[in-house]
Each structure stands twice: as structure tokens, then as C-alpha cells.
Amino acid sequence: MMTRVAPPRLTVPDRDIPTQLAQPRQNQQSFAEVPANISIIEPIVLEVVIRIEEGGEVMVYEETTRILEGNITRQEAQILASSILEQWEFEPTYMGEQAVVQEYVLQLMITGD
């Protein structure tokens, strides 16, 4: 499975604009393990809200997962988004020289390639 990610967007873009936005540490397209009970037959596009901690760890707000494209259940979408993003690391968000916790909207484009 291959996952491409669009650049992260701030959940509240007009509040305390960071000096450096968080970015994935890996390439913008990445291969990830898919849970055995989920089959990727056609492209899937998901949008989810995440929180990136000061150290770059990701917390996924599963309940925010939206299916923008693809034939997948909401529960499968939540599991898929979490399982992919929990394998990723991010460069944290910075306000000046200080790493800070920040929430982002992230769009994932997933194919079975």
C-alpha cells in the first residue's frame, strides 16, 4: 500500500501562526502496513485531524476521520488512518526556537500499489 500526504493544514489558521509548520520526516509518499481485515481495491482519500507533539509523535483524533473518496466504512477509515499515521514521525511545529504541540488537518491518499 502506498500513502501520499498533502501538506498539513492548521486546524485554526488565523490563531498563533507557527514560525515552522510540522512536516513528515519520511518522504511525502510512504509504504505502510495495512490491517489484515482492510482491503484496498480502489484509491481512498481520507481527511483526519491530528495532534503533533513537541517530539514529533502523532496522535490521531479518530472520530474526526472523513472519507473524501473510496468505498470504505467509517470504522475501517478510522482504523486505517490511525494505523498509517502511528507508523510516521514528524518534525515538530516551532514557535520561534520552541517546539510546540499543534493540531493539523491532514489528507491521506491511499492506493493498493
PDB file of N, CA and C in Angstrom:
ATOM      1  N   MET A   1       0.839  -1.175   0.000  1.00  0.00           N
ATOM      2  CA  MET A   1       0.000   0.000   0.000  1.00  0.00           C
ATOM      3  C   MET A   1       0.884   1.237   0.000  1.00  0.00           C
ATOM      4  N   MET A   2       0.503   2.233  -0.759  1.00  0.00           N
ATOM      5  CA  MET A   2       1.245   3.489  -0.778  1.00  0.00           C
ATOM      6  C   MET A   2       0.331   4.599  -0.270  1.00  0.00           C
ATOM      7  N   THR A   3       0.904   5.468   0.548  1.00  0.00           N
ATOM      8  CA  THR A   3       0.172   6.608   1.089  1.00  0.00           C
ATOM      9  C   THR A   3       0.893   7.887   0.710  1.00  0.00           C
ATOM     10  N   ARG A   4       0.156   8.810   0.140  1.00  0.00           N
ATOM     11  CA  ARG A   4       0.679  10.155  -0.117  1.00  0.00           C
ATOM     12  C   ARG A   4      -0.058  11.095   0.832  1.00  0.00           C
ATOM     13  N   VAL A   5       0.653  12.104   1.273  1.00  0.00           N
ATOM     14  CA  VAL A   5       0.037  13.049   2.203  1.00  0.00           C
ATOM     15  C   VAL A   5       0.140  14.454   1.625  1.00  0.00           C
ATOM     16  N   ALA A   6      -0.969  15.177   1.688  1.00  0.00           N
ATOM     17  CA  ALA A   6      -0.959  16.589   1.304  1.00  0.00           C
ATOM     18  C   ALA A   6      -0.301  17.367   2.438  1.00  0.00           C
ATOM     19  N   PRO A   7       0.242  18.547   2.167  1.00  0.00           N
ATOM     20  CA  PRO A   7       0.849  19.332   3.252  1.00  0.00           C
ATOM     21  C   PRO A   7      -0.155  19.549   4.392  1.00  0.00           C
ATOM     22  N   PRO A   8       0.287  19.374   5.640  1.00  0.00           N
ATOM     23  CA  PRO A   8      -0.614  19.582   6.782  1.00  0.00           C
ATOM     24  C   PRO A   8      -1.137  21.018   6.816  1.00  0.00           C
ATOM     25  N   ARG A   9      -2.414  21.162   7.204  1.00  0.00           N
ATOM     26  CA  ARG A   9      -3.036  22.487   7.363  1.00  0.00           C
ATOM     27  C   ARG A   9      -3.380  22.688   8.836  1.00  0.00           C
ATOM     28  N   LEU A  10      -3.182  23.894   9.317  1.00  0.00           N
ATOM     29  CA  LEU A  10      -3.558  24.210  10.696  1.00  0.00           C
ATOM     30  C   LEU A  10      -5.063  24.072  10.864  1.00  0.00           C
ATOM     31  N   THR A  11      -5.498  23.567  12.014  1.00  0.00           N
ATOM     32  CA  THR A  11      -6.938  23.456  12.267  1.00  0.00           C
ATOM     33  C   THR A  11      -7.576  24.829  12.430  1.00  0.00           C
ATOM     34  N   VAL A  12      -6.836  25.784  12.994  1.00  0.00           N
ATOM     35  CA  VAL A  12      -7.300  27.164  13.148  1.00  0.00           C
ATOM     36  C   VAL A  12      -6.207  28.056  12.545  1.00  0.00           C
ATOM     37  N   PRO A  13      -6.298  28.341  11.245  1.00  0.00           N
ATOM     38  CA  PRO A  13      -5.198  29.015  10.554  1.00  0.00           C
ATOM     39  C   PRO A  13      -4.923  30.458  10.966  1.00  0.00           C
ATOM     40  N   ASP A  14      -5.854  31.125  11.618  1.00  0.00           N
ATOM     41  CA  ASP A  14      -5.631  32.530  11.972  1.00  0.00           C
ATOM     42  C   ASP A  14      -5.314  32.739  13.453  1.00  0.00           C
ATOM     43  N   ARG A  15      -4.918  31.678  14.146  1.00  0.00           N
ATOM     44  CA  ARG A  15      -4.565  31.773  15.568  1.00  0.00           C
ATOM     45  C   ARG A  15      -3.098  31.403  15.738  1.00  0.00           C
ATOM     46  N   ASP A  16      -2.309  32.225  16.371  1.00  0.00           N
ATOM     47  CA  ASP A  16      -0.911  31.925  16.694  1.00  0.00           C
ATOM     48  C   ASP A  16      -0.206  31.150  15.579  1.00  0.00           C
ATOM     49  N   ILE A  17       0.145  31.844  14.523  1.00  0.00           N
ATOM     50  CA  ILE A  17       0.790  31.215  13.374  1.00  0.00           C
ATOM     51  C   ILE A  17       2.212  30.780  13.756  1.00  0.00           C
ATOM     52  N   PRO A  18       2.509  29.472  13.657  1.00  0.00           N
ATOM     53  CA  PRO A  18       3.854  28.994  13.988  1.00  0.00           C
ATOM     54  C   PRO A  18       4.898  29.534  13.010  1.00  0.00           C
ATOM     55  N   THR A  19       6.145  29.599  13.475  1.00  0.00           N
ATOM     56  CA  THR A  19       7.231  30.020  12.591  1.00  0.00           C
ATOM     57  C   THR A  19       7.658  28.880  11.676  1.00  0.00           C
ATOM     58  N   GLN A  20       7.425  27.630  12.104  1.00  0.00           N
ATOM     59  CA  GLN A  20       7.710  26.477  11.254  1.00  0.00           C
ATOM     60  C   GLN A  20       6.644  25.423  11.474  1.00  0.00           C
ATOM     61  N   LEU A  21       5.937  25.060  10.406  1.00  0.00           N
ATOM     62  CA  LEU A  21       4.914  24.025  10.488  1.00  0.00           C
ATOM     63  C   LEU A  21       5.550  22.652  10.573  1.00  0.00           C
ATOM     64  N   ALA A  22       4.842  21.708  11.162  1.00  0.00           N
ATOM     65  CA  ALA A  22       5.311  20.324  11.228  1.00  0.00           C
ATOM     66  C   ALA A  22       5.339  19.728   9.823  1.00  0.00           C
ATOM     67  N   GLN A  23       6.268  18.811   9.599  1.00  0.00           N
ATOM     68  CA  GLN A  23       6.388  18.108   8.323  1.00  0.00           C
ATOM     69  C   GLN A  23       6.724  16.649   8.594  1.00  0.00           C
ATOM     70  N   PRO A  24       6.217  15.741   7.748  1.00  0.00           N
ATOM     71  CA  PRO A  24       6.598  14.331   7.912  1.00  0.00           C
ATOM     72  C   PRO A  24       8.102  14.169   7.754  1.00  0.00           C
ATOM     73  N   ARG A  25       8.694  13.303   8.570  1.00  0.00           N
ATOM     74  CA  ARG A  25      10.128  13.039   8.458  1.00  0.00           C
ATOM     75  C   ARG A  25      10.428  12.144   7.262  1.00  0.00           C
ATOM     76  N   GLN A  26       9.470  11.300   6.871  1.00  0.00           N
ATOM     77  CA  GLN A  26       9.696  10.455   5.719  1.00  0.00           C
ATOM     78  C   GLN A  26       9.238  11.144   4.448  1.00  0.00           C
ATOM     79  N   ASN A  27       9.528  10.523   3.345  1.00  0.00           N
ATOM     80  CA  ASN A  27       9.138  11.033   2.043  1.00  0.00           C
ATOM     81  C   ASN A  27       7.633  11.315   2.028  1.00  0.00           C
ATOM     82  N   GLN A  28       7.194  12.207   1.144  1.00  0.00           N
ATOM     83  CA  GLN A  28       5.771  12.537   1.040  1.00  0.00           C
ATOM     84  C   GLN A  28       4.932  11.359   0.551  1.00  0.00           C
ATOM     85  N   GLN A  29       5.555  10.305   0.089  1.00  0.00           N
ATOM     86  CA  GLN A  29       4.808   9.087  -0.175  1.00  0.00           C
ATOM     87  C   GLN A  29       5.510   7.961   0.553  1.00  0.00           C
ATOM     88  N   SER A  30       4.748   7.113   1.165  1.00  0.00           N
ATOM     89  CA  SER A  30       5.323   6.118   2.041  1.00  0.00           C
ATOM     90  C   SER A  30       4.512   4.832   1.971  1.00  0.00           C
ATOM     91  N   PHE A  31       5.196   3.725   2.138  1.00  0.00           N
ATOM     92  CA  PHE A  31       4.516   2.443   2.219  1.00  0.00           C
ATOM     93  C   PHE A  31       4.258   2.125   3.678  1.00  0.00           C
ATOM     94  N   ALA A  32       3.123   1.545   3.948  1.00  0.00           N
ATOM     95  CA  ALA A  32       2.780   1.232   5.330  1.00  0.00           C
ATOM     96  C   ALA A  32       2.027  -0.089   5.382  1.00  0.00           C
ATOM     97  N   GLU A  33       2.062  -0.707   6.529  1.00  0.00           N
ATOM     98  CA  GLU A  33       1.310  -1.938   6.760  1.00  0.00           C
ATOM     99  C   GLU A  33      -0.180  -1.610   6.835  1.00  0.00           C
ATOM    100  N   VAL A  34      -0.995  -2.467   6.227  1.00  0.00           N
ATOM    101  CA  VAL A  34      -2.446  -2.306   6.284  1.00  0.00           C
ATOM    102  C   VAL A  34      -2.989  -3.374   7.224  1.00  0.00           C
ATOM    103  N   PRO A  35      -3.909  -3.018   8.105  1.00  0.00           N
ATOM    104  CA  PRO A  35      -4.523  -4.051   8.945  1.00  0.00           C
ATOM    105  C   PRO A  35      -5.101  -5.160   8.065  1.00  0.00           C
ATOM    106  N   ALA A  36      -4.931  -6.395   8.490  1.00  0.00           N
ATOM    107  CA  ALA A  36      -5.292  -7.567   7.685  1.00  0.00           C
ATOM    108  C   ALA A  36      -6.758  -7.589   7.248  1.00  0.00           C
ATOM    109  N   ASN A  37      -7.636  -6.983   8.033  1.00  0.00           N
ATOM    110  CA  ASN A  37      -9.061  -7.044   7.707  1.00  0.00           C
ATOM    111  C   ASN A  37      -9.524  -5.928   6.769  1.00  0.00           C
ATOM    112  N   ILE A  38      -8.598  -5.086   6.262  1.00  0.00           N
ATOM    113  CA  ILE A  38      -8.967  -3.993   5.363  1.00  0.00           C
ATOM    114  C   ILE A  38      -8.318  -4.226   4.007  1.00  0.00           C
ATOM    115  N   SER A  39      -9.151  -4.213   2.979  1.00  0.00           N
ATOM    116  CA  SER A  39      -8.674  -4.434   1.621  1.00  0.00           C
ATOM    117  C   SER A  39      -8.733  -3.123   0.842  1.00  0.00           C
ATOM    118  N   ILE A  40      -7.613  -2.751   0.209  1.00  0.00           N
ATOM    119  CA  ILE A  40      -7.544  -1.524  -0.593  1.00  0.00           C
ATOM    120  C   ILE A  40      -7.656  -1.932  -2.057  1.00  0.00           C
ATOM    121  N   ILE A  41      -8.837  -1.778  -2.632  1.00  0.00           N
ATOM    122  CA  ILE A  41      -9.076  -2.163  -4.024  1.00  0.00           C
ATOM    123  C   ILE A  41      -9.012  -0.942  -4.933  1.00  0.00           C
ATOM    124  N   GLU A  42      -9.560   0.168  -4.473  1.00  0.00           N
ATOM    125  CA  GLU A  42      -9.553   1.415  -5.236  1.00  0.00           C
ATOM    126  C   GLU A  42      -8.918   2.506  -4.386  1.00  0.00           C
ATOM    127  N   PRO A  43      -8.490   3.605  -5.006  1.00  0.00           N
ATOM    128  CA  PRO A  43      -7.895   4.690  -4.214  1.00  0.00           C
ATOM    129  C   PRO A  43      -8.861   5.200  -3.142  1.00  0.00           C
ATOM    130  N   ILE A  44      -8.299   5.526  -1.999  1.00  0.00           N
ATOM    131  CA  ILE A  44      -9.066   6.048  -0.867  1.00  0.00           C
ATOM    132  C   ILE A  44      -8.434   7.378  -0.458  1.00  0.00           C
ATOM    133  N   VAL A  45      -9.277   8.374  -0.211  1.00  0.00           N
ATOM    134  CA  VAL A  45      -8.796   9.661   0.282  1.00  0.00           C
ATOM    135  C   VAL A  45      -9.493   9.923   1.616  1.00  0.00           C
ATOM    136  N   LEU A  46      -8.692  10.120   2.645  1.00  0.00           N
ATOM    137  CA  LEU A  46      -9.205  10.378   3.986  1.00  0.00           C
ATOM    138  C   LEU A  46      -8.694  11.723   4.481  1.00  0.00           C
ATOM    139  N   GLU A  47      -9.496  12.363   5.302  1.00  0.00           N
ATOM    140  CA  GLU A  47      -9.068  13.586   5.971  1.00  0.00           C
ATOM    141  C   GLU A  47      -9.233  13.353   7.464  1.00  0.00           C
ATOM    142  N   VAL A  48      -8.227  13.732   8.231  1.00  0.00           N
ATOM    143  CA  VAL A  48      -8.255  13.480   9.663  1.00  0.00           C
ATOM    144  C   VAL A  48      -7.559  14.624  10.393  1.00  0.00           C
ATOM    145  N   VAL A  49      -7.985  14.868  11.620  1.00  0.00           N
ATOM    146  CA  VAL A  49      -7.323  15.853  12.473  1.00  0.00           C
ATOM    147  C   VAL A  49      -6.330  15.095  13.350  1.00  0.00           C
ATOM    148  N   ILE A  50      -5.096  15.615  13.395  1.00  0.00           N
ATOM    149  CA  ILE A  50      -4.054  15.006  14.211  1.00  0.00           C
ATOM    150  C   ILE A  50      -3.453  16.055  15.132  1.00  0.00           C
ATOM    151  N   ARG A  51      -2.800  15.570  16.173  1.00  0.00           N
ATOM    152  CA  ARG A  51      -2.038  16.443  17.062  1.00  0.00           C
ATOM    153  C   ARG A  51      -0.599  15.971  17.006  1.00  0.00           C
ATOM    154  N   ILE A  52       0.309  16.901  16.725  1.00  0.00           N
ATOM    155  CA  ILE A  52       1.727  16.569  16.684  1.00  0.00           C
ATOM    156  C   ILE A  52       2.368  17.146  17.938  1.00  0.00           C
ATOM    157  N   GLU A  53       2.968  16.261  18.714  1.00  0.00           N
ATOM    158  CA  GLU A  53       3.588  16.638  19.987  1.00  0.00           C
ATOM    159  C   GLU A  53       4.933  17.334  19.761  1.00  0.00           C
ATOM    160  N   GLU A  54       5.506  17.866  20.830  1.00  0.00           N
ATOM    161  CA  GLU A  54       6.788  18.576  20.742  1.00  0.00           C
ATOM    162  C   GLU A  54       7.912  17.708  20.187  1.00  0.00           C
ATOM    163  N   GLY A  55       7.836  16.401  20.410  1.00  0.00           N
ATOM    164  CA  GLY A  55       8.865  15.486  19.928  1.00  0.00           C
ATOM    165  C   GLY A  55       8.567  14.916  18.550  1.00  0.00           C
ATOM    166  N   GLY A  56       7.442  15.304  17.953  1.00  0.00           N
ATOM    167  CA  GLY A  56       7.085  14.823  16.627  1.00  0.00           C
ATOM    168  C   GLY A  56       6.147  13.626  16.620  1.00  0.00           C
ATOM    169  N   GLU A  57       5.775  13.120  17.803  1.00  0.00           N
ATOM    170  CA  GLU A  57       4.843  11.999  17.866  1.00  0.00           C
ATOM    171  C   GLU A  57       3.463  12.458  17.406  1.00  0.00           C
ATOM    172  N   VAL A  58       2.701  11.528  16.836  1.00  0.00           N
ATOM    173  CA  VAL A  58       1.388  11.844  16.278  1.00  0.00           C
ATOM    174  C   VAL A  58       0.288  11.211  17.115  1.00  0.00           C
ATOM    175  N   MET A  59      -0.745  11.994  17.400  1.00  0.00           N
ATOM    176  CA  MET A  59      -1.966  11.464  17.988  1.00  0.00           C
ATOM    177  C   MET A  59      -3.092  11.741  16.994  1.00  0.00           C
ATOM    178  N   VAL A  60      -3.825  10.701  16.637  1.00  0.00           N
ATOM    179  CA  VAL A  60      -4.906  10.815  15.664  1.00  0.00           C
ATOM    180  C   VAL A  60      -6.230  10.940  16.411  1.00  0.00           C
ATOM    181  N   TYR A  61      -7.020  11.933  16.053  1.00  0.00           N
ATOM    182  CA  TYR A  61      -8.373  12.054  16.583  1.00  0.00           C
ATOM    183  C   TYR A  61      -9.273  11.231  15.652  1.00  0.00           C
ATOM    184  N   GLU A  62      -9.406   9.939  15.950  1.00  0.00           N
ATOM    185  CA  GLU A  62     -10.108   9.014  15.055  1.00  0.00           C
ATOM    186  C   GLU A  62     -11.517   9.474  14.697  1.00  0.00           C
ATOM    187  N   GLU A  63     -12.202  10.071  15.669  1.00  0.00           N
ATOM    188  CA  GLU A  63     -13.597  10.477  15.437  1.00  0.00           C
ATOM    189  C   GLU A  63     -13.717  11.565  14.374  1.00  0.00           C
ATOM    190  N   THR A  64     -12.607  12.217  14.021  1.00  0.00           N
ATOM    191  CA  THR A  64     -12.650  13.274  13.003  1.00  0.00           C
ATOM    192  C   THR A  64     -12.437  12.739  11.585  1.00  0.00           C
ATOM    193  N   THR A  65     -12.135  11.459  11.450  1.00  0.00           N
ATOM    194  CA  THR A  65     -11.822  10.891  10.140  1.00  0.00           C
ATOM    195  C   THR A  65     -13.013  11.027   9.190  1.00  0.00           C
ATOM    196  N   ARG A  66     -12.726  11.628   8.021  1.00  0.00           N
ATOM    197  CA  ARG A  66     -13.749  11.792   6.975  1.00  0.00           C
ATOM    198  C   ARG A  66     -13.300  11.048   5.732  1.00  0.00           C
ATOM    199  N   ILE A  67     -14.229  10.376   5.078  1.00  0.00           N
ATOM    200  CA  ILE A  67     -13.952   9.674   3.830  1.00  0.00           C
ATOM    201  C   ILE A  67     -14.288  10.641   2.703  1.00  0.00           C
ATOM    202  N   LEU A  68     -13.270  11.083   1.967  1.00  0.00           N
ATOM    203  CA  LEU A  68     -13.491  12.002   0.854  1.00  0.00           C
ATOM    204  C   LEU A  68     -13.664  11.258  -0.461  1.00  0.00           C
ATOM    205  N   GLU A  69     -13.072  10.066  -0.543  1.00  0.00           N
ATOM    206  CA  GLU A  69     -13.163   9.259  -1.755  1.00  0.00           C
ATOM    207  C   GLU A  69     -12.885   7.806  -1.393  1.00  0.00           C
ATOM    208  N   GLY A  70     -13.597   6.893  -2.038  1.00  0.00           N
ATOM    209  CA  GLY A  70     -13.335   5.469  -1.843  1.00  0.00           C
ATOM    210  C   GLY A  70     -14.479   4.755  -1.155  1.00  0.00           C
ATOM    211  N   ASN A  71     -14.488   3.452  -1.341  1.00  0.00           N
ATOM    212  CA  ASN A  71     -15.531   2.601  -0.792  1.00  0.00           C
ATOM    213  C   ASN A  71     -14.974   1.886   0.436  1.00  0.00           C
ATOM    214  N   ILE A  72     -15.174   2.518   1.583  1.00  0.00           N
ATOM    215  CA  ILE A  72     -14.658   2.015   2.851  1.00  0.00           C
ATOM    216  C   ILE A  72     -15.618   2.477   3.943  1.00  0.00           C
ATOM    217  N   THR A  73     -15.774   1.681   4.985  1.00  0.00           N
ATOM    218  CA  THR A  73     -16.666   2.081   6.076  1.00  0.00           C
ATOM    219  C   THR A  73     -15.966   3.112   6.952  1.00  0.00           C
ATOM    220  N   ARG A  74     -16.745   3.839   7.722  1.00  0.00           N
ATOM    221  CA  ARG A  74     -16.177   4.845   8.628  1.00  0.00           C
ATOM    222  C   ARG A  74     -15.228   4.190   9.630  1.00  0.00           C
ATOM    223  N   GLN A  75     -15.627   3.045  10.163  1.00  0.00           N
ATOM    224  CA  GLN A  75     -14.781   2.349  11.133  1.00  0.00           C
ATOM    225  C   GLN A  75     -13.469   1.903  10.483  1.00  0.00           C
ATOM    226  N   GLU A  76     -13.534   1.374   9.268  1.00  0.00           N
ATOM    227  CA  GLU A  76     -12.310   0.981   8.558  1.00  0.00           C
ATOM    228  C   GLU A  76     -11.426   2.200   8.291  1.00  0.00           C
ATOM    229  N   ALA A  77     -12.046   3.327   7.940  1.00  0.00           N
ATOM    230  CA  ALA A  77     -11.297   4.554   7.680  1.00  0.00           C
ATOM    231  C   ALA A  77     -10.562   5.013   8.944  1.00  0.00           C
ATOM    232  N   GLN A  78     -11.224   4.947  10.086  1.00  0.00           N
ATOM    233  CA  GLN A  78     -10.598   5.343  11.348  1.00  0.00           C
ATOM    234  C   GLN A  78      -9.411   4.443  11.676  1.00  0.00           C
ATOM    235  N   ILE A  79      -9.590   3.147  11.515  1.00  0.00           N
ATOM    236  CA  ILE A  79      -8.514   2.189  11.792  1.00  0.00           C
ATOM    237  C   ILE A  79      -7.355   2.401  10.823  1.00  0.00           C
ATOM    238  N   LEU A  80      -7.675   2.593   9.555  1.00  0.00           N
ATOM    239  CA  LEU A  80      -6.647   2.771   8.532  1.00  0.00           C
ATOM    240  C   LEU A  80      -5.829   4.043   8.778  1.00  0.00           C
ATOM    241  N   ALA A  81      -6.506   5.155   9.024  1.00  0.00           N
ATOM    242  CA  ALA A  81      -5.800   6.422   9.282  1.00  0.00           C
ATOM    243  C   ALA A  81      -4.885   6.291  10.502  1.00  0.00           C
ATOM    244  N   SER A  82      -5.388   5.722  11.570  1.00  0.00           N
ATOM    245  CA  SER A  82      -4.578   5.566  12.788  1.00  0.00           C
ATOM    246  C   SER A  82      -3.393   4.638  12.550  1.00  0.00           C
ATOM    247  N   SER A  83      -3.632   3.504  11.879  1.00  0.00           N
ATOM    248  CA  SER A  83      -2.541   2.546  11.689  1.00  0.00           C
ATOM    249  C   SER A  83      -1.440   3.118  10.802  1.00  0.00           C
ATOM    250  N   ILE A  84      -1.791   3.933   9.815  1.00  0.00           N
ATOM    251  CA  ILE A  84      -0.782   4.560   8.957  1.00  0.00           C
ATOM    252  C   ILE A  84      -0.014   5.615   9.739  1.00  0.00           C
ATOM    253  N   LEU A  85      -0.736   6.541  10.349  1.00  0.00           N
ATOM    254  CA  LEU A  85      -0.088   7.690  10.992  1.00  0.00           C
ATOM    255  C   LEU A  85       0.710   7.319  12.233  1.00  0.00           C
ATOM    256  N   GLU A  86       0.328   6.235  12.914  1.00  0.00           N
ATOM    257  CA  GLU A  86       1.095   5.804  14.082  1.00  0.00           C
ATOM    258  C   GLU A  86       2.469   5.272  13.688  1.00  0.00           C
ATOM    259  N   GLN A  87       2.663   4.949  12.408  1.00  0.00           N
ATOM    260  CA  GLN A  87       3.962   4.480  11.918  1.00  0.00           C
ATOM    261  C   GLN A  87       4.858   5.646  11.495  1.00  0.00           C
ATOM    262  N   TRP A  88       4.308   6.844  11.431  1.00  0.00           N
ATOM    263  CA  TRP A  88       5.039   8.008  10.936  1.00  0.00           C
ATOM    264  C   TRP A  88       5.625   8.832  12.060  1.00  0.00           C
ATOM    265  N   GLU A  89       6.666   9.588  11.707  1.00  0.00           N
ATOM    266  CA  GLU A  89       7.249  10.575  12.606  1.00  0.00           C
ATOM    267  C   GLU A  89       7.245  11.916  11.889  1.00  0.00           C
ATOM    268  N   PHE A  90       7.074  12.975  12.643  1.00  0.00           N
ATOM    269  CA  PHE A  90       7.037  14.327  12.093  1.00  0.00           C
ATOM    270  C   PHE A  90       8.112  15.192  12.722  1.00  0.00           C
ATOM    271  N   GLU A  91       8.600  16.155  11.957  1.00  0.00           N
ATOM    272  CA  GLU A  91       9.364  17.246  12.544  1.00  0.00           C
ATOM    273  C   GLU A  91       8.323  18.094  13.249  1.00  0.00           C
ATOM    274  N   PRO A  92       8.564  18.497  14.495  1.00  0.00           N
ATOM    275  CA  PRO A  92       7.523  19.226  15.231  1.00  0.00           C
ATOM    276  C   PRO A  92       7.291  20.646  14.710  1.00  0.00           C
ATOM    277  N   THR A  93       6.260  21.248  15.242  1.00  0.00           N
ATOM    278  CA  THR A  93       5.926  22.639  14.972  1.00  0.00           C
ATOM    279  C   THR A  93       6.779  23.515  15.880  1.00  0.00           C
ATOM    280  N   TYR A  94       7.243  24.644  15.350  1.00  0.00           N
ATOM    281  CA  TYR A  94       8.036  25.567  16.155  1.00  0.00           C
ATOM    282  C   TYR A  94       7.393  26.946  16.205  1.00  0.00           C
ATOM    283  N   MET A  95       7.427  27.527  17.395  1.00  0.00           N
ATOM    284  CA  MET A  95       7.098  28.933  17.618  1.00  0.00           C
ATOM    285  C   MET A  95       8.407  29.550  18.075  1.00  0.00           C
ATOM    286  N   GLY A  96       9.069  30.267  17.158  1.00  0.00           N
ATOM    287  CA  GLY A  96      10.419  30.749  17.454  1.00  0.00           C
ATOM    288  C   GLY A  96      11.348  29.553  17.538  1.00  0.00           C
ATOM    289  N   GLU A  97      12.067  29.429  18.645  1.00  0.00           N
ATOM    290  CA  GLU A  97      13.006  28.320  18.854  1.00  0.00           C
ATOM    291  C   GLU A  97      12.379  27.149  19.604  1.00  0.00           C
ATOM    292  N   GLN A  98      11.128  27.319  20.045  1.00  0.00           N
ATOM    293  CA  GLN A  98      10.469  26.333  20.905  1.00  0.00           C
ATOM    294  C   GLN A  98       9.556  25.396  20.117  1.00  0.00           C
ATOM    295  N   ALA A  99       9.765  24.072  20.273  1.00  0.00           N
ATOM    296  CA  ALA A  99       8.838  23.089  19.695  1.00  0.00           C
ATOM    297  C   ALA A  99       7.547  23.136  20.507  1.00  0.00           C
ATOM    298  N   VAL A 100       6.400  23.116  19.818  1.00  0.00           N
ATOM    299  CA  VAL A 100       5.100  23.210  20.489  1.00  0.00           C
ATOM    300  C   VAL A 100       4.149  22.145  19.951  1.00  0.00           C
ATOM    301  N   VAL A 101       3.138  21.834  20.734  1.00  0.00           N
ATOM    302  CA  VAL A 101       2.067  20.943  20.311  1.00  0.00           C
ATOM    303  C   VAL A 101       1.172  21.718  19.360  1.00  0.00           C
ATOM    304  N   GLN A 102       0.754  21.082  18.270  1.00  0.00           N
ATOM    305  CA  GLN A 102      -0.100  21.762  17.302  1.00  0.00           C
ATOM    306  C   GLN A 102      -1.039  20.754  16.644  1.00  0.00           C
ATOM    307  N   GLU A 103      -2.285  21.164  16.422  1.00  0.00           N
ATOM    308  CA  GLU A 103      -3.246  20.332  15.695  1.00  0.00           C
ATOM    309  C   GLU A 103      -3.255  20.709  14.223  1.00  0.00           C
ATOM    310  N   TYR A 104      -3.420  19.682  13.377  1.00  0.00           N
ATOM    311  CA  TYR A 104      -3.441  19.863  11.926  1.00  0.00           C
ATOM    312  C   TYR A 104      -4.555  19.034  11.313  1.00  0.00           C
ATOM    313  N   VAL A 105      -4.994  19.481  10.142  1.00  0.00           N
ATOM    314  CA  VAL A 105      -5.860  18.676   9.281  1.00  0.00           C
ATOM    315  C   VAL A 105      -4.922  18.051   8.259  1.00  0.00           C
ATOM    316  N   LEU A 106      -5.033  16.747   8.078  1.00  0.00           N
ATOM    317  CA  LEU A 106      -4.146  16.033   7.182  1.00  0.00           C
ATOM    318  C   LEU A 106      -4.982  15.214   6.209  1.00  0.00           C
ATOM    319  N   GLN A 107      -4.626  15.260   4.934  1.00  0.00           N
ATOM    320  CA  GLN A 107      -5.326  14.476   3.925  1.00  0.00           C
ATOM    321  C   GLN A 107      -4.401  13.364   3.437  1.00  0.00           C
ATOM    322  N   LEU A 108      -4.903  12.129   3.493  1.00  0.00           N
ATOM    323  CA  LEU A 108      -4.156  10.953   3.073  1.00  0.00           C
ATOM    324  C   LEU A 108      -4.755  10.391   1.801  1.00  0.00           C
ATOM    325  N   MET A 109      -3.911  10.123   0.806  1.00  0.00           N
ATOM    326  CA  MET A 109      -4.337   9.485  -0.436  1.00  0.00           C
ATOM    327  C   MET A 109      -3.712   8.095  -0.440  1.00  0.00           C
ATOM    328  N   ILE A 110      -4.537   7.054  -0.368  1.00  0.00           N
ATOM    329  CA  ILE A 110      -4.065   5.693  -0.162  1.00  0.00           C
ATOM    330  C   ILE A 110      -4.402   4.852  -1.387  1.00  0.00           C
ATOM    331  N   THR A 111      -3.395   4.140  -1.890  1.00  0.00           N
ATOM    332  CA  THR A 111      -3.612   3.221  -3.014  1.00  0.00           C
ATOM    333  C   THR A 111      -3.033   1.873  -2.641  1.00  0.00           C
ATOM    334  N   GLY A 112      -3.504   0.856  -3.303  1.00  0.00           N
ATOM    335  CA  GLY A 112      -3.045  -0.503  -3.021  1.00  0.00           C
ATOM    336  C   GLY A 112      -1.759  -0.862  -3.719  1.00  0.00           C
ATOM    337  N   ASP A 113      -1.128   0.085  -4.420  1.00  0.00           N
ATOM    338  CA  ASP A 113       0.117  -0.179  -5.169  1.00  0.00           C
ATOM    339  C   ASP A 113       1.150  -0.878  -4.312  1.00  0.00           C
TER     340      ASP A 113
END
